Amino acid sequence: MGFWEETDVREQWRRMLAIRRFEEAMIQHGDAFPGHRHVYIGQEATAVGAVAALDDADPMVTTHRNHGHNLARGAAAGPMMAEIFGKVTGFARGKSGTFHIALPERNVVVASAVVAGSLCIALGLALAAKCQGSRRVAVAFFGDGAVNEGTFHETANLAALWDVPLLMICENNSGSGQPRDSGLAGPSIAGLAGAYGIPYQVVDGSDVAAVYAAVRRAVSVLRGQAGPWFIEAQTTGWPGNRGGWPHLVDGVTDLTPVLTGATLTGWAVHDPVLKFAAAALQHGWSAADLQAVDRAVQEDIAQAVAQAQAAPYPPAEEALAHVWA
């Protein structure tokens, strides 16, 4: 038993595509809003696989690459696109922008744009779960660069001392998986967790089934409140991920090569969306099934863009509303 037998695979495919098509559209329409944005392309399998293994009640804390985590948790594309466009119909009435989108109603509690900022917040949520005697697992997503921050080490140490149900998911998109590419002198990113006595696992972050299995294993332990757990999900950086100004180097993702059995080359070999499609074909799906979901997702994203473009900006008198400091 595993991902392909235990989850709603069609819904997981839809969510993988929702992330990819959403961010492709965001890049295409980047001139419609000021400021830069960080994308999640190339990491879709990590969010979708992890969320599929969690309960809806498990709180998540995300990062500046929050689009993927929110869409994996079932966020609607329309309000999210409007939020990025700075429009009043957005989740936060256009005030959070791309960096700070969170969905408390779906237990995506906070999106912290501070490197490693997700960790200490999730630690508090894990401590609360333990004190309340619940079976919730708090999840912190963060990038490989976060392990160089003091917050990471403080969180790991306290989580181990307090024996709290905290799942730390490090999304290593450095490309090679080598610690030095993440600014780390030591031999292993995941091994840093081991230094604090925290169980850890390294997994292929572009393989949705592998991520699902790793997270499922972790939460089965953590629901017994047996202390923290660390997963390093290794992915290969997407070529268009140019800092805060991403570009569609090769255009939007074309599913045709994998659906026709063509040999993949370059980054496509590591593309989690194409890898999902290839695995689905091996599990009895047809190319028509996969394409039908993709068409529906693209229609939804196109509608989200149109609604965001048509929506008004917040009125000037709201500029200081909800500002507390």
Protein backbone atom coordinates (compact mmCIF):
# COMPACT_ATOMS: atom_id res chain seq x y z
CA MET A 1 0.00 0.00 0.00
CA GLY A 2 1.14 3.54 -0.65
CA PHE A 3 0.37 6.80 -2.40
CA TRP A 4 -1.27 5.24 -5.45
CA GLU A 5 -3.57 3.03 -3.38
CA GLU A 6 -4.29 5.24 -0.36
CA THR A 7 -5.01 8.69 -1.81
CA ASP A 8 -7.40 10.31 -4.25
CA VAL A 9 -4.85 10.26 -7.06
CA ARG A 10 -6.95 12.34 -9.43
CA GLU A 11 -7.15 15.09 -6.82
CA GLN A 12 -3.40 14.90 -6.20
CA TRP A 13 -2.76 15.27 -9.95
CA ARG A 14 -5.11 18.24 -10.03
CA ARG A 15 -3.22 19.90 -7.20
CA MET A 16 0.15 19.25 -8.83
CA LEU A 17 -1.12 20.91 -11.99
CA ALA A 18 -2.82 23.72 -10.06
CA ILE A 19 0.55 24.75 -8.62
CA ARG A 20 2.34 24.56 -11.96
CA ARG A 21 -0.30 26.29 -14.06
CA PHE A 22 -0.92 28.94 -11.40
CA GLU A 23 2.70 29.96 -11.24
CA GLU A 24 3.16 29.84 -14.99
CA ALA A 25 0.22 32.23 -15.32
CA MET A 26 1.61 34.44 -12.57
CA ILE A 27 4.89 34.73 -14.44
CA GLN A 28 3.15 35.41 -17.74
CA HIS A 29 1.16 38.24 -16.18
CA GLY A 30 3.99 39.55 -14.01
CA ASP A 31 3.80 43.01 -15.55
CA ALA A 32 0.34 43.42 -14.03
CA PHE A 33 1.67 43.91 -10.50
CA PRO A 34 4.79 45.43 -8.94
CA GLY A 35 7.43 43.61 -6.95
CA HIS A 36 9.14 40.27 -7.33
CA ARG A 37 7.90 36.82 -6.46
CA HIS A 38 9.42 33.45 -5.64
CA VAL A 39 7.99 30.37 -7.31
CA TYR A 40 7.51 26.77 -6.28
CA ILE A 41 7.98 25.19 -9.71
CA GLY A 42 10.02 22.02 -9.40
CA GLN A 43 8.92 21.32 -5.83
CA GLU A 44 5.25 20.45 -6.41
CA ALA A 45 5.67 16.82 -5.40
CA THR A 46 6.94 17.80 -1.96
CA ALA A 47 3.91 19.87 -1.03
CA VAL A 48 1.34 17.57 -2.61
CA GLY A 49 2.90 14.38 -1.26
CA ALA A 50 3.28 15.84 2.23
CA VAL A 51 -0.23 17.28 2.45
CA ALA A 52 -1.74 14.02 1.21
CA ALA A 53 -0.17 12.27 4.21
CA LEU A 54 -1.39 14.85 6.76
CA ASP A 55 -4.75 15.38 8.40
CA ASP A 56 -6.67 18.56 7.64
CA ALA A 57 -6.33 19.53 11.31
CA ASP A 58 -2.53 19.43 11.23
CA PRO A 59 -1.27 23.04 11.23
CA MET A 60 1.28 24.07 8.61
CA VAL A 61 3.62 27.06 8.53
CA THR A 62 4.90 28.03 5.12
CA THR A 63 7.46 30.34 3.54
CA HIS A 64 7.96 32.93 0.81
CA ARG A 65 7.27 30.06 -1.63
CA ASN A 66 3.82 29.63 -0.16
CA HIS A 67 1.76 29.30 -3.36
CA GLY A 68 2.58 25.61 -3.60
CA HIS A 69 1.75 24.76 -0.01
CA ASN A 70 -1.53 26.68 -0.08
CA LEU A 71 -2.68 25.16 -3.36
CA ALA A 72 -1.69 21.71 -2.14
CA ARG A 73 -3.95 22.31 0.86
CA GLY A 74 -6.84 23.13 -1.48
CA ALA A 75 -6.70 26.92 -1.75
CA ALA A 76 -8.88 28.49 -4.44
CA ALA A 77 -6.87 29.94 -7.31
CA GLY A 78 -9.06 33.03 -7.74
CA PRO A 79 -8.52 34.74 -4.37
CA MET A 80 -4.86 33.78 -4.40
CA MET A 81 -4.24 35.31 -7.81
CA ALA A 82 -6.15 38.42 -6.76
CA GLU A 83 -4.00 38.69 -3.64
CA ILE A 84 -0.84 38.60 -5.72
CA PHE A 85 -2.30 41.25 -8.04
CA GLY A 86 -2.98 43.38 -4.96
CA LYS A 87 -6.74 43.35 -5.50
CA VAL A 88 -9.50 43.66 -2.93
CA THR A 89 -10.89 40.18 -3.73
CA GLY A 90 -7.69 38.54 -2.52
CA PHE A 91 -7.43 36.46 0.64
CA ALA A 92 -6.10 39.46 2.57
CA ARG A 93 -7.79 42.12 0.43
CA GLY A 94 -4.60 42.58 -1.57
CA LYS A 95 -2.41 43.47 1.41
CA SER A 96 -0.29 40.38 1.93
CA GLY A 97 1.01 40.05 -1.59
CA THR A 98 2.87 36.98 -2.76
CA PHE A 99 5.07 36.55 0.32
CA HIS A 100 2.50 36.30 3.10
CA ILE A 101 -0.47 34.27 1.83
CA ALA A 102 -1.83 31.97 4.52
CA LEU A 103 -5.14 30.16 4.96
CA PRO A 104 -5.95 29.80 8.66
CA GLU A 105 -9.31 28.24 7.76
CA ARG A 106 -7.37 25.37 6.17
CA ASN A 107 -4.75 25.35 8.93
CA VAL A 108 -2.05 27.00 6.85
CA VAL A 109 -1.46 29.20 9.86
CA VAL A 110 1.28 31.62 8.80
CA ALA A 111 3.43 32.36 5.77
CA SER A 112 6.75 33.74 6.97
CA ALA A 113 8.97 35.45 4.42
CA VAL A 114 11.82 35.44 6.95
CA VAL A 115 14.34 32.70 6.26
CA ALA A 116 13.76 30.01 8.92
CA GLY A 117 10.84 32.03 10.29
CA SER A 118 8.45 29.11 9.85
CA LEU A 119 10.35 26.90 12.27
CA CYS A 120 9.88 28.70 15.57
CA ILE A 121 6.19 29.31 14.87
CA ALA A 122 5.59 25.65 14.08
CA LEU A 123 7.50 24.75 17.25
CA GLY A 124 4.96 26.72 19.27
CA LEU A 125 2.10 24.98 17.48
CA ALA A 126 3.67 21.60 18.22
CA LEU A 127 4.08 22.50 21.89
CA ALA A 128 0.43 23.57 22.00
CA ALA A 129 -0.64 20.26 20.45
CA LYS A 130 1.31 18.36 23.09
CA CYS A 131 -0.01 20.44 25.99
CA GLN A 132 -3.58 19.99 24.73
CA GLY A 133 -3.12 16.25 24.41
CA SER A 134 -4.22 16.32 20.78
CA ARG A 135 -2.96 14.10 17.96
CA ARG A 136 -2.10 17.04 15.73
CA VAL A 137 1.30 17.27 14.07
CA ALA A 138 2.71 20.74 13.37
CA VAL A 139 4.59 21.05 10.08
CA ALA A 140 7.25 23.60 9.17
CA PHE A 141 8.31 23.94 5.54
CA PHE A 142 11.61 25.74 4.94
CA GLY A 143 14.41 25.91 2.41
CA ASP A 144 17.95 24.59 2.61
CA GLY A 145 19.31 28.06 3.34
CA ALA A 146 17.38 28.10 6.62
CA VAL A 147 19.72 25.58 8.24
CA ASN A 148 22.35 28.34 8.42
CA GLU A 149 20.12 30.43 10.65
CA GLY A 150 20.25 30.34 14.42
CA THR A 151 16.48 29.86 14.49
CA PHE A 152 16.86 26.43 12.93
CA HIS A 153 19.24 25.25 15.64
CA GLU A 154 17.23 26.76 18.47
CA THR A 155 14.06 25.14 17.13
CA ALA A 156 15.69 21.74 16.67
CA ASN A 157 17.18 21.82 20.15
CA LEU A 158 13.96 22.86 21.90
CA ALA A 159 11.83 20.46 19.87
CA ALA A 160 14.06 17.60 20.96
CA LEU A 161 14.19 18.77 24.58
CA TRP A 162 10.43 19.21 24.76
CA ASP A 163 9.66 16.06 22.76
CA VAL A 164 6.99 17.78 20.66
CA PRO A 165 5.17 16.56 17.51
CA LEU A 166 7.01 18.82 15.07
CA LEU A 167 7.70 17.71 11.51
CA MET A 168 10.45 19.76 9.87
CA ILE A 169 10.44 19.49 6.06
CA CYS A 170 13.53 21.01 4.49
CA GLU A 171 12.97 21.62 0.78
CA ASN A 172 16.49 21.47 -0.59
CA ASN A 173 16.33 23.02 -4.05
CA SER A 174 20.05 23.72 -4.26
CA GLY A 175 20.24 21.48 -7.32
CA SER A 176 22.95 19.05 -6.36
CA GLY A 177 21.93 18.15 -2.85
CA GLN A 178 25.46 18.99 -1.73
CA PRO A 179 25.57 20.86 1.60
CA ARG A 180 28.15 23.37 0.35
CA ASP A 181 25.71 24.55 -2.32
CA SER A 182 23.46 25.56 0.55
CA GLY A 183 26.25 27.38 2.36
CA LEU A 184 26.85 24.55 4.82
CA ALA A 185 30.37 23.39 5.67
CA GLY A 186 29.23 20.12 7.20
CA PRO A 187 28.72 16.84 5.34
CA SER A 188 24.94 16.63 5.52
CA ILE A 189 21.89 18.88 5.90
CA ALA A 190 19.72 16.14 7.35
CA GLY A 191 22.58 15.12 9.61
CA LEU A 192 22.20 18.42 11.46
CA ALA A 193 18.92 17.07 12.86
CA GLY A 194 20.71 13.93 13.94
CA ALA A 195 23.09 16.05 15.98
CA TYR A 196 20.11 16.95 18.17
CA GLY A 197 18.94 13.36 18.41
CA ILE A 198 16.13 13.91 15.90
CA PRO A 199 15.26 11.06 13.51
CA TYR A 200 15.71 12.09 9.90
CA GLN A 201 15.20 10.88 6.36
CA VAL A 202 16.43 12.10 2.97
CA VAL A 203 13.93 11.66 0.14
CA ASP A 204 13.57 12.48 -3.55
CA GLY A 205 11.45 15.62 -3.38
CA SER A 206 10.38 15.27 -7.01
CA ASP A 207 8.75 11.87 -6.38
CA VAL A 208 5.31 12.42 -4.89
CA ALA A 209 4.96 8.81 -3.75
CA ALA A 210 8.33 8.89 -1.98
CA VAL A 211 7.45 12.11 -0.17
CA TYR A 212 4.05 10.73 0.82
CA ALA A 213 5.64 7.58 2.25
CA ALA A 214 8.23 9.55 4.24
CA VAL A 215 5.69 11.95 5.73
CA ARG A 216 3.22 9.16 6.46
CA ARG A 217 5.94 7.31 8.36
CA ALA A 218 6.87 10.44 10.31
CA VAL A 219 3.35 11.38 11.35
CA SER A 220 2.57 7.82 12.44
CA VAL A 221 5.30 8.30 15.06
CA LEU A 222 4.54 11.92 15.89
CA ARG A 223 0.85 11.26 16.54
CA GLY A 224 2.08 9.29 19.50
CA GLN A 225 3.83 12.53 20.56
CA ALA A 226 7.21 10.84 20.39
CA GLY A 227 9.25 13.91 19.60
CA PRO A 228 10.24 15.78 16.42
CA TRP A 229 11.14 14.41 12.99
CA PHE A 230 13.17 15.83 10.08
CA ILE A 231 12.77 15.21 6.33
CA GLU A 232 15.09 16.59 3.69
CA ALA A 233 13.31 16.64 0.33
CA GLN A 234 15.90 17.06 -2.39
CA THR A 235 14.85 18.68 -5.66
CA THR A 236 16.64 19.97 -8.73
CA GLY A 237 16.31 23.71 -9.20
CA TRP A 238 14.07 24.80 -12.06
CA PRO A 239 16.06 26.68 -14.75
CA GLY A 240 13.60 29.58 -14.78
CA ASN A 241 13.93 30.23 -11.06
CA ARG A 242 16.02 33.39 -11.32
CA GLY A 243 15.84 34.81 -7.84
CA GLY A 244 12.77 36.98 -7.44
CA TRP A 245 12.31 37.44 -11.19
CA PRO A 246 11.41 34.03 -12.65
CA HIS A 247 11.13 33.45 -16.39
CA LEU A 248 9.46 30.76 -18.46
CA VAL A 249 12.67 29.74 -20.19
CA ASP A 250 11.05 27.00 -22.28
CA GLY A 251 7.48 28.27 -22.15
CA VAL A 252 4.68 26.59 -20.22
CA THR A 253 4.97 22.92 -19.34
CA ASP A 254 4.18 20.59 -22.23
CA LEU A 255 2.87 17.19 -21.15
CA THR A 256 3.08 15.74 -24.67
CA PRO A 257 6.59 14.23 -24.47
CA VAL A 258 5.88 12.11 -21.42
CA LEU A 259 2.40 11.14 -22.65
CA THR A 260 3.79 9.95 -25.97
CA GLY A 261 6.70 8.08 -24.47
CA ALA A 262 9.38 10.41 -25.81
CA THR A 263 12.79 10.47 -24.13
CA LEU A 264 13.03 13.33 -21.67
CA THR A 265 16.15 15.44 -21.51
CA GLY A 266 17.54 18.27 -19.40
CA TRP A 267 15.55 19.46 -16.44
CA ALA A 268 12.46 17.59 -17.68
CA VAL A 269 14.02 14.41 -16.28
CA HIS A 270 13.63 15.91 -12.79
CA ASP A 271 10.28 17.65 -13.37
CA PRO A 272 7.89 16.38 -10.66
CA VAL A 273 4.81 17.04 -12.82
CA LEU A 274 6.16 14.97 -15.71
CA LYS A 275 7.34 12.27 -13.29
CA PHE A 276 3.84 12.10 -11.81
CA ALA A 277 2.33 11.76 -15.29
CA ALA A 278 4.76 8.98 -16.22
CA ALA A 279 4.00 7.09 -13.00
CA ALA A 280 0.25 7.54 -13.50
CA LEU A 281 0.50 5.94 -16.95
CA GLN A 282 2.23 2.97 -15.34
CA HIS A 283 -0.63 2.74 -12.83
CA GLY A 284 -3.27 2.42 -15.52
CA TRP A 285 -4.15 6.01 -16.33
CA SER A 286 -4.59 7.04 -19.94
CA ALA A 287 -3.09 10.11 -21.60
CA ALA A 288 -6.65 11.35 -22.13
CA ASP A 289 -7.35 11.12 -18.37
CA LEU A 290 -4.28 13.20 -17.54
CA GLN A 291 -4.98 15.77 -20.25
CA ALA A 292 -8.62 16.18 -19.18
CA VAL A 293 -7.55 17.22 -15.68
CA ASP A 294 -4.97 19.58 -17.14
CA ARG A 295 -7.56 21.28 -19.36
CA ALA A 296 -9.88 21.80 -16.41
CA VAL A 297 -7.05 23.26 -14.31
CA GLN A 298 -5.96 25.61 -17.09
CA GLU A 299 -9.53 26.86 -17.47
CA ASP A 300 -9.72 27.49 -13.73
CA ILE A 301 -6.43 29.40 -13.73
CA ALA A 302 -7.46 31.47 -16.76
CA GLN A 303 -10.65 32.43 -14.93
CA ALA A 304 -8.63 33.33 -11.82
CA VAL A 305 -6.44 35.66 -13.88
CA ALA A 306 -9.44 37.30 -15.54
CA GLN A 307 -11.17 37.84 -12.19
CA ALA A 308 -8.00 39.28 -10.66
CA GLN A 309 -7.54 41.67 -13.56
CA ALA A 310 -11.13 42.85 -13.31
CA ALA A 311 -11.20 43.29 -9.53
CA PRO A 312 -10.61 46.74 -7.98
CA TYR A 313 -7.69 47.73 -5.78
CA PRO A 314 -8.42 48.31 -2.08
CA PRO A 315 -9.69 51.83 -1.34
CA ALA A 316 -7.12 54.28 0.00
CA GLU A 317 -8.89 54.56 3.34
CA GLU A 318 -7.99 50.91 4.08
CA ALA A 319 -4.27 51.58 3.94
CA LEU A 320 -3.82 51.60 7.73
CA ALA A 321 -6.49 49.04 8.59
CA HIS A 322 -5.10 45.97 10.39
CA VAL A 323 -1.74 47.69 10.86
CA TRP A 324 -0.71 47.28 14.49
CA ALA A 325 2.86 48.49 14.57
